[in-house]
Amino acid sequence: MAPHSMAQAAWAMLCALLIAQILWQERNLPQILFRAGLAPTFATIWFDRKKTQ
């Protein structure tokens, strides 16, 4: 597994744990964490698509 893949997986796991383990009173912060967890994946797809074209 490449280093960036490991970092990406760790980031997603951290965001998922924060969402699952904390009792949230508001819905805004978990939604932001969810999107933050997806951001590296979408960035990788976007940058890799440019490399293949």
PDB file of N, CA and C in Angstrom:
ATOM      1  N   MET A   1       0.847  -1.174   0.000  1.00  0.00           N
ATOM      2  CA  MET A   1       0.000   0.000   0.000  1.00  0.00           C
ATOM      3  C   MET A   1       0.893   1.238   0.000  1.00  0.00           C
ATOM      4  N   ALA A   2       0.614   2.160  -0.870  1.00  0.00           N
ATOM      5  CA  ALA A   2       1.421   3.379  -0.978  1.00  0.00           C
ATOM      6  C   ALA A   2       1.203   4.266   0.248  1.00  0.00           C
ATOM      7  N   PRO A   3       2.202   5.082   0.578  1.00  0.00           N
ATOM      8  CA  PRO A   3       2.072   5.959   1.759  1.00  0.00           C
ATOM      9  C   PRO A   3       0.856   6.879   1.696  1.00  0.00           C
ATOM     10  N   HIS A   4       0.558   7.405   0.508  1.00  0.00           N
ATOM     11  CA  HIS A   4      -0.603   8.295   0.433  1.00  0.00           C
ATOM     12  C   HIS A   4      -1.902   7.517   0.637  1.00  0.00           C
ATOM     13  N   SER A   5      -1.912   6.247   0.236  1.00  0.00           N
ATOM     14  CA  SER A   5      -3.098   5.423   0.467  1.00  0.00           C
ATOM     15  C   SER A   5      -3.304   5.157   1.953  1.00  0.00           C
ATOM     16  N   MET A   6      -2.197   4.930   2.656  1.00  0.00           N
ATOM     17  CA  MET A   6      -2.277   4.697   4.107  1.00  0.00           C
ATOM     18  C   MET A   6      -2.776   5.957   4.818  1.00  0.00           C
ATOM     19  N   ALA A   7      -2.263   7.102   4.417  1.00  0.00           N
ATOM     20  CA  ALA A   7      -2.692   8.361   5.031  1.00  0.00           C
ATOM     21  C   ALA A   7      -4.161   8.629   4.733  1.00  0.00           C
ATOM     22  N   GLN A   8      -4.567   8.334   3.524  1.00  0.00           N
ATOM     23  CA  GLN A   8      -5.962   8.512   3.125  1.00  0.00           C
ATOM     24  C   GLN A   8      -6.878   7.617   3.952  1.00  0.00           C
ATOM     25  N   ALA A   9      -6.496   6.372   4.134  1.00  0.00           N
ATOM     26  CA  ALA A   9      -7.288   5.436   4.925  1.00  0.00           C
ATOM     27  C   ALA A   9      -7.328   5.848   6.393  1.00  0.00           C
ATOM     28  N   ALA A  10      -6.202   6.311   6.916  1.00  0.00           N
ATOM     29  CA  ALA A  10      -6.157   6.764   8.310  1.00  0.00           C
ATOM     30  C   ALA A  10      -7.051   7.983   8.520  1.00  0.00           C
ATOM     31  N   TRP A  11      -7.035   8.913   7.569  1.00  0.00           N
ATOM     32  CA  TRP A  11      -7.876  10.105   7.665  1.00  0.00           C
ATOM     33  C   TRP A  11      -9.356   9.722   7.661  1.00  0.00           C
ATOM     34  N   ALA A  12      -9.739   8.835   6.745  1.00  0.00           N
ATOM     35  CA  ALA A  12     -11.131   8.402   6.673  1.00  0.00           C
ATOM     36  C   ALA A  12     -11.552   7.676   7.955  1.00  0.00           C
ATOM     37  N   MET A  13     -10.664   6.847   8.500  1.00  0.00           N
ATOM     38  CA  MET A  13     -10.967   6.122   9.732  1.00  0.00           C
ATOM     39  C   MET A  13     -11.115   7.082  10.912  1.00  0.00           C
ATOM     40  N   LEU A  14     -10.245   8.076  10.987  1.00  0.00           N
ATOM     41  CA  LEU A  14     -10.341   9.065  12.060  1.00  0.00           C
ATOM     42  C   LEU A  14     -11.670   9.816  11.998  1.00  0.00           C
ATOM     43  N   CYS A  15     -12.052  10.247  10.818  1.00  0.00           N
ATOM     44  CA  CYS A  15     -13.332  10.952  10.673  1.00  0.00           C
ATOM     45  C   CYS A  15     -14.501  10.041  11.037  1.00  0.00           C
ATOM     46  N   ALA A  16     -14.450   8.788  10.607  1.00  0.00           N
ATOM     47  CA  ALA A  16     -15.526   7.842  10.925  1.00  0.00           C
ATOM     48  C   ALA A  16     -15.613   7.595  12.428  1.00  0.00           C
ATOM     49  N   LEU A  17     -14.473   7.454  13.090  1.00  0.00           N
ATOM     50  CA  LEU A  17     -14.479   7.247  14.539  1.00  0.00           C
ATOM     51  C   LEU A  17     -15.034   8.461  15.275  1.00  0.00           C
ATOM     52  N   LEU A  18     -14.654   9.650  14.838  1.00  0.00           N
ATOM     53  CA  LEU A  18     -15.188  10.854  15.475  1.00  0.00           C
ATOM     54  C   LEU A  18     -16.702  10.947  15.317  1.00  0.00           C
ATOM     55  N   ILE A  19     -17.193  10.593  14.146  1.00  0.00           N
ATOM     56  CA  ILE A  19     -18.637  10.641  13.911  1.00  0.00           C
ATOM     57  C   ILE A  19     -19.350   9.604  14.774  1.00  0.00           C
ATOM     58  N   ALA A  20     -18.782   8.399  14.863  1.00  0.00           N
ATOM     59  CA  ALA A  20     -19.471   7.297  15.537  1.00  0.00           C
ATOM     60  C   ALA A  20     -19.366   7.340  17.060  1.00  0.00           C
ATOM     61  N   GLN A  21     -18.266   7.839  17.599  1.00  0.00           N
ATOM     62  CA  GLN A  21     -18.024   7.713  19.028  1.00  0.00           C
ATOM     63  C   GLN A  21     -18.502   8.894  19.869  1.00  0.00           C
ATOM     64  N   ILE A  22     -18.743  10.016  19.254  1.00  0.00           N
ATOM     65  CA  ILE A  22     -19.160  11.201  20.014  1.00  0.00           C
ATOM     66  C   ILE A  22     -20.667  11.383  19.873  1.00  0.00           C
ATOM     67  N   LEU A  23     -21.336  11.653  20.981  1.00  0.00           N
ATOM     68  CA  LEU A  23     -22.773  11.930  20.937  1.00  0.00           C
ATOM     69  C   LEU A  23     -22.960  13.395  20.538  1.00  0.00           C
ATOM     70  N   TRP A  24     -23.393  13.585  19.322  1.00  0.00           N
ATOM     71  CA  TRP A  24     -23.504  14.926  18.770  1.00  0.00           C
ATOM     72  C   TRP A  24     -24.874  15.514  19.073  1.00  0.00           C
ATOM     73  N   GLN A  25     -24.892  16.770  19.489  1.00  0.00           N
ATOM     74  CA  GLN A  25     -26.142  17.488  19.711  1.00  0.00           C
ATOM     75  C   GLN A  25     -26.616  18.151  18.416  1.00  0.00           C
ATOM     76  N   GLU A  26     -25.675  18.557  17.599  1.00  0.00           N
ATOM     77  CA  GLU A  26     -25.996  19.205  16.328  1.00  0.00           C
ATOM     78  C   GLU A  26     -25.701  18.240  15.186  1.00  0.00           C
ATOM     79  N   ARG A  27     -26.293  18.487  14.048  1.00  0.00           N
ATOM     80  CA  ARG A  27     -26.048  17.626  12.890  1.00  0.00           C
ATOM     81  C   ARG A  27     -25.006  18.225  11.951  1.00  0.00           C
ATOM     82  N   ASN A  28     -24.669  19.497  12.128  1.00  0.00           N
ATOM     83  CA  ASN A  28     -23.756  20.139  11.185  1.00  0.00           C
ATOM     84  C   ASN A  28     -22.340  19.579  11.253  1.00  0.00           C
ATOM     85  N   LEU A  29     -21.787  19.416  12.429  1.00  0.00           N
ATOM     86  CA  LEU A  29     -20.405  18.963  12.548  1.00  0.00           C
ATOM     87  C   LEU A  29     -20.202  17.540  12.028  1.00  0.00           C
ATOM     88  N   PRO A  30     -21.068  16.582  12.328  1.00  0.00           N
ATOM     89  CA  PRO A  30     -20.868  15.252  11.720  1.00  0.00           C
ATOM     90  C   PRO A  30     -20.941  15.275  10.189  1.00  0.00           C
ATOM     91  N   GLN A  31     -21.781  16.124   9.627  1.00  0.00           N
ATOM     92  CA  GLN A  31     -21.857  16.227   8.167  1.00  0.00           C
ATOM     93  C   GLN A  31     -20.560  16.795   7.600  1.00  0.00           C
ATOM     94  N   ILE A  32     -19.988  17.762   8.285  1.00  0.00           N
ATOM     95  CA  ILE A  32     -18.707  18.334   7.854  1.00  0.00           C
ATOM     96  C   ILE A  32     -17.603  17.282   7.950  1.00  0.00           C
ATOM     97  N   LEU A  33     -17.586  16.519   9.050  1.00  0.00           N
ATOM     98  CA  LEU A  33     -16.589  15.462   9.199  1.00  0.00           C
ATOM     99  C   LEU A  33     -16.739  14.391   8.119  1.00  0.00           C
ATOM    100  N   PHE A  34     -17.964  14.052   7.770  1.00  0.00           N
ATOM    101  CA  PHE A  34     -18.203  13.077   6.714  1.00  0.00           C
ATOM    102  C   PHE A  34     -17.622  13.564   5.390  1.00  0.00           C
ATOM    103  N   ARG A  35     -17.887  14.817   5.063  1.00  0.00           N
ATOM    104  CA  ARG A  35     -17.357  15.371   3.814  1.00  0.00           C
ATOM    105  C   ARG A  35     -15.847  15.498   3.861  1.00  0.00           C
ATOM    106  N   ALA A  36     -15.303  15.833   5.032  1.00  0.00           N
ATOM    107  CA  ALA A  36     -13.846  15.920   5.175  1.00  0.00           C
ATOM    108  C   ALA A  36     -13.208  14.544   4.993  1.00  0.00           C
ATOM    109  N   GLY A  37     -13.885  13.496   5.435  1.00  0.00           N
ATOM    110  CA  GLY A  37     -13.379  12.146   5.251  1.00  0.00           C
ATOM    111  C   GLY A  37     -13.366  11.718   3.791  1.00  0.00           C
ATOM    112  N   LEU A  38     -14.283  12.241   3.003  1.00  0.00           N
ATOM    113  CA  LEU A  38     -14.347  11.901   1.581  1.00  0.00           C
ATOM    114  C   LEU A  38     -13.423  12.757   0.719  1.00  0.00           C
ATOM    115  N   ALA A  39     -13.021  13.904   1.212  1.00  0.00           N
ATOM    116  CA  ALA A  39     -12.232  14.851   0.422  1.00  0.00           C
ATOM    117  C   ALA A  39     -10.946  14.253  -0.154  1.00  0.00           C
ATOM    118  N   PRO A  40     -10.119  13.537   0.636  1.00  0.00           N
ATOM    119  CA  PRO A  40      -8.902  12.984   0.034  1.00  0.00           C
ATOM    120  C   PRO A  40      -9.176  11.974  -1.084  1.00  0.00           C
ATOM    121  N   THR A  41     -10.230  11.203  -0.953  1.00  0.00           N
ATOM    122  CA  THR A  41     -10.565  10.235  -1.993  1.00  0.00           C
ATOM    123  C   THR A  41     -10.931  10.938  -3.287  1.00  0.00           C
ATOM    124  N   PHE A  42     -11.779  11.946  -3.195  1.00  0.00           N
ATOM    125  CA  PHE A  42     -12.165  12.683  -4.399  1.00  0.00           C
ATOM    126  C   PHE A  42     -10.993  13.451  -4.991  1.00  0.00           C
ATOM    127  N   ALA A  43     -10.109  13.969  -4.143  1.00  0.00           N
ATOM    128  CA  ALA A  43      -8.927  14.666  -4.646  1.00  0.00           C
ATOM    129  C   ALA A  43      -8.020  13.698  -5.409  1.00  0.00           C
ATOM    130  N   THR A  44      -7.855  12.492  -4.887  1.00  0.00           N
ATOM    131  CA  THR A  44      -7.031  11.491  -5.571  1.00  0.00           C
ATOM    132  C   THR A  44      -7.628  11.129  -6.915  1.00  0.00           C
ATOM    133  N   ILE A  45      -8.925  10.918  -6.959  1.00  0.00           N
ATOM    134  CA  ILE A  45      -9.595  10.601  -8.225  1.00  0.00           C
ATOM    135  C   ILE A  45      -9.398  11.730  -9.225  1.00  0.00           C
ATOM    136  N   TRP A  46      -9.547  12.962  -8.769  1.00  0.00           N
ATOM    137  CA  TRP A  46      -9.434  14.126  -9.652  1.00  0.00           C
ATOM    138  C   TRP A  46      -8.018  14.259 -10.198  1.00  0.00           C
ATOM    139  N   PHE A  47      -7.006  14.124  -9.305  1.00  0.00           N
ATOM    140  CA  PHE A  47      -5.617  14.265  -9.770  1.00  0.00           C
ATOM    141  C   PHE A  47      -5.198  13.095 -10.633  1.00  0.00           C
ATOM    142  N   ASP A  48      -5.602  11.877 -10.315  1.00  0.00           N
ATOM    143  CA  ASP A  48      -5.235  10.732 -11.121  1.00  0.00           C
ATOM    144  C   ASP A  48      -5.909  10.750 -12.481  1.00  0.00           C
ATOM    145  N   ARG A  49      -7.083  11.295 -12.555  1.00  0.00           N
ATOM    146  CA  ARG A  49      -7.756  11.405 -13.857  1.00  0.00           C
ATOM    147  C   ARG A  49      -6.952  12.315 -14.783  1.00  0.00           C
ATOM    148  N   LYS A  50      -6.385  13.375 -14.228  1.00  0.00           N
ATOM    149  CA  LYS A  50      -5.563  14.276 -15.052  1.00  0.00           C
ATOM    150  C   LYS A  50      -4.298  13.575 -15.534  1.00  0.00           C
ATOM    151  N   LYS A  51      -3.739  12.659 -14.737  1.00  0.00           N
ATOM    152  CA  LYS A  51      -2.535  11.941 -15.140  1.00  0.00           C
ATOM    153  C   LYS A  51      -2.802  10.967 -16.270  1.00  0.00           C
ATOM    154  N   THR A  52      -3.983  10.384 -16.317  1.00  0.00           N
ATOM    155  CA  THR A  52      -4.277   9.363 -17.315  1.00  0.00           C
ATOM    156  C   THR A  52      -4.712   9.938 -18.648  1.00  0.00           C
ATOM    157  N   GLN A  53      -5.022  11.202 -18.695  1.00  0.00           N
ATOM    158  CA  GLN A  53      -5.486  11.786 -19.964  1.00  0.00           C
ATOM    159  C   GLN A  53      -4.343  12.298 -20.807  1.00  0.00           C
TER     160      GLN A  53
END
